C-alpha atoms as a PDB file:
ATOM      1  CA  UNK A   1     -40.596 -18.758   8.130  1.00  0.00           C
ATOM      2  CA  UNK A   2     -42.830 -16.005   6.708  1.00  0.00           C
ATOM      3  CA  UNK A   3     -40.209 -15.090   4.144  1.00  0.00           C
ATOM      4  CA  UNK A   4     -40.104 -18.667   2.852  1.00  0.00           C
ATOM      5  CA  UNK A   5     -43.896 -18.697   2.494  1.00  0.00           C
ATOM      6  CA  UNK A   6     -43.813 -15.435   0.531  1.00  0.00           C
ATOM      7  CA  UNK A   7     -41.029 -16.705  -1.724  1.00  0.00           C
ATOM      8  CA  UNK A   8     -42.898 -19.980  -2.274  1.00  0.00           C
ATOM      9  CA  UNK A   9     -46.110 -18.143  -3.061  1.00  0.00           C
ATOM     10  CA  UNK A  10     -44.431 -15.901  -5.650  1.00  0.00           C
ATOM     11  CA  UNK A  11     -42.579 -18.877  -7.099  1.00  0.00           C
ATOM     12  CA  UNK A  12     -45.860 -20.746  -7.629  1.00  0.00           C
ATOM     13  CA  UNK A  13     -47.417 -17.663  -9.212  1.00  0.00           C
ATOM     14  CA  UNK A  14     -44.423 -17.330 -11.532  1.00  0.00           C
ATOM     15  CA  UNK A  15     -44.668 -20.992 -12.557  1.00  0.00           C
ATOM     16  CA  UNK A  16     -48.420 -20.584 -13.184  1.00  0.00           C
ATOM     17  CA  UNK A  17     -47.869 -17.536 -15.377  1.00  0.00           C
ATOM     18  CA  UNK A  18     -45.143 -19.371 -17.321  1.00  0.00           C
ATOM     19  CA  UNK A  19     -47.378 -22.411 -17.921  1.00  0.00           C
ATOM     20  CA  UNK A  20     -50.283 -20.163 -18.973  1.00  0.00           C
ATOM     21  CA  UNK A  21     -47.980 -18.346 -21.424  1.00  0.00           C
ATOM     22  CA  UNK A  22     -46.816 -21.637 -22.957  1.00  0.00           C
ATOM     23  CA  UNK A  23     -50.427 -22.823 -23.322  1.00  0.00           C
ATOM     24  CA  UNK A  24     -51.442 -19.579 -25.047  1.00  0.00           C
ATOM     25  CA  UNK A  25     -48.505 -19.846 -27.470  1.00  0.00           C
ATOM     26  CA  UNK A  26     -49.415 -23.447 -28.290  1.00  0.00           C
ATOM     27  CA  UNK A  27     -53.049 -22.455 -28.813  1.00  0.00           C
ATOM     28  CA  UNK A  28     -52.073 -19.657 -31.211  1.00  0.00           C
ATOM     29  CA  UNK A  29     -49.863 -22.058 -33.172  1.00  0.00           C
ATOM     30  CA  UNK A  30     -52.702 -24.593 -33.346  1.00  0.00           C
ATOM     31  CA  UNK A  31     -55.220 -21.988 -34.513  1.00  0.00           C
ATOM     32  CA  UNK A  32     -52.896 -20.665 -37.239  1.00  0.00           C
ATOM     33  CA  UNK A  33     -52.102 -24.163 -38.530  1.00  0.00           C
ATOM     34  CA  UNK A  34     -54.640 -24.897 -41.251  1.00  0.00           C
ATOM     35  CA  UNK A  35     -53.505 -28.461 -41.823  1.00  0.00           C
ATOM     36  CA  UNK A  36     -53.993 -28.020 -45.563  1.00  0.00           C
ATOM     37  CA  UNK A  37     -51.011 -28.066 -47.875  1.00  0.00           C
ATOM     38  CA  UNK A  38     -50.551 -25.611 -50.706  1.00  0.00           C
ATOM     39  CA  UNK A  39     -50.354 -27.124 -54.210  1.00  0.00           C
ATOM     40  CA  UNK A  40     -47.169 -26.993 -56.266  1.00  0.00           C
ATOM     41  CA  UNK A  41     -47.176 -24.128 -58.769  1.00  0.00           C
ATOM     42  CA  UNK A  42     -45.221 -23.522 -61.955  1.00  0.00           C
ATOM     43  CA  UNK A  43     -43.426 -20.276 -62.866  1.00  0.00           C
ATOM     44  CA  UNK A  44     -46.664 -18.610 -63.990  1.00  0.00           C
ATOM     45  CA  UNK A  45     -48.589 -19.533 -60.840  1.00  0.00           C
ATOM     46  CA  UNK A  46     -50.677 -22.341 -62.338  1.00  0.00           C
ATOM     47  CA  UNK A  47     -51.194 -25.555 -60.386  1.00  0.00           C
ATOM     48  CA  UNK A  48     -48.987 -28.328 -61.760  1.00  0.00           C
ATOM     49  CA  UNK A  49     -51.099 -31.219 -63.078  1.00  0.00           C
ATOM     50  CA  UNK A  50     -50.699 -34.547 -61.245  1.00  0.00           C
ATOM     51  CA  UNK A  51     -48.670 -32.914 -58.455  1.00  0.00           C
ATOM     52  CA  UNK A  52     -49.134 -34.309 -54.972  1.00  0.00           C
ATOM     53  CA  UNK A  53     -48.478 -32.577 -51.671  1.00  0.00           C
ATOM     54  CA  UNK A  54     -48.431 -34.479 -48.411  1.00  0.00           C
ATOM     55  CA  UNK A  55     -48.564 -33.518 -44.783  1.00  0.00           C
ATOM     56  CA  UNK A  56     -46.584 -35.654 -42.358  1.00  0.00           C
ATOM     57  CA  UNK A  57     -46.455 -35.153 -38.622  1.00  0.00           C
ATOM     58  CA  UNK A  58     -42.921 -35.024 -37.306  1.00  0.00           C
ATOM     59  CA  UNK A  59     -42.779 -36.860 -34.000  1.00  0.00           C
END
C-alpha cells in the first residue's frame, strides 16, 4: 500500500511539472507574438503603396 502511495505521489508531481512546462511555453509564445503584421516590401526594401496585410486567427 505504501508503494502505491509513493508512485501516486510522484505521478502527480510529474503531471504538475508537465502542466507547468506547457503553461510556460504558451506564455513565452504569447509574449513573443506581437500581433502586428509586417508590411509588404519591394526588392529595394520600400513599403509597397496600397498594400494590405491582415492577421487572421486560425481556429
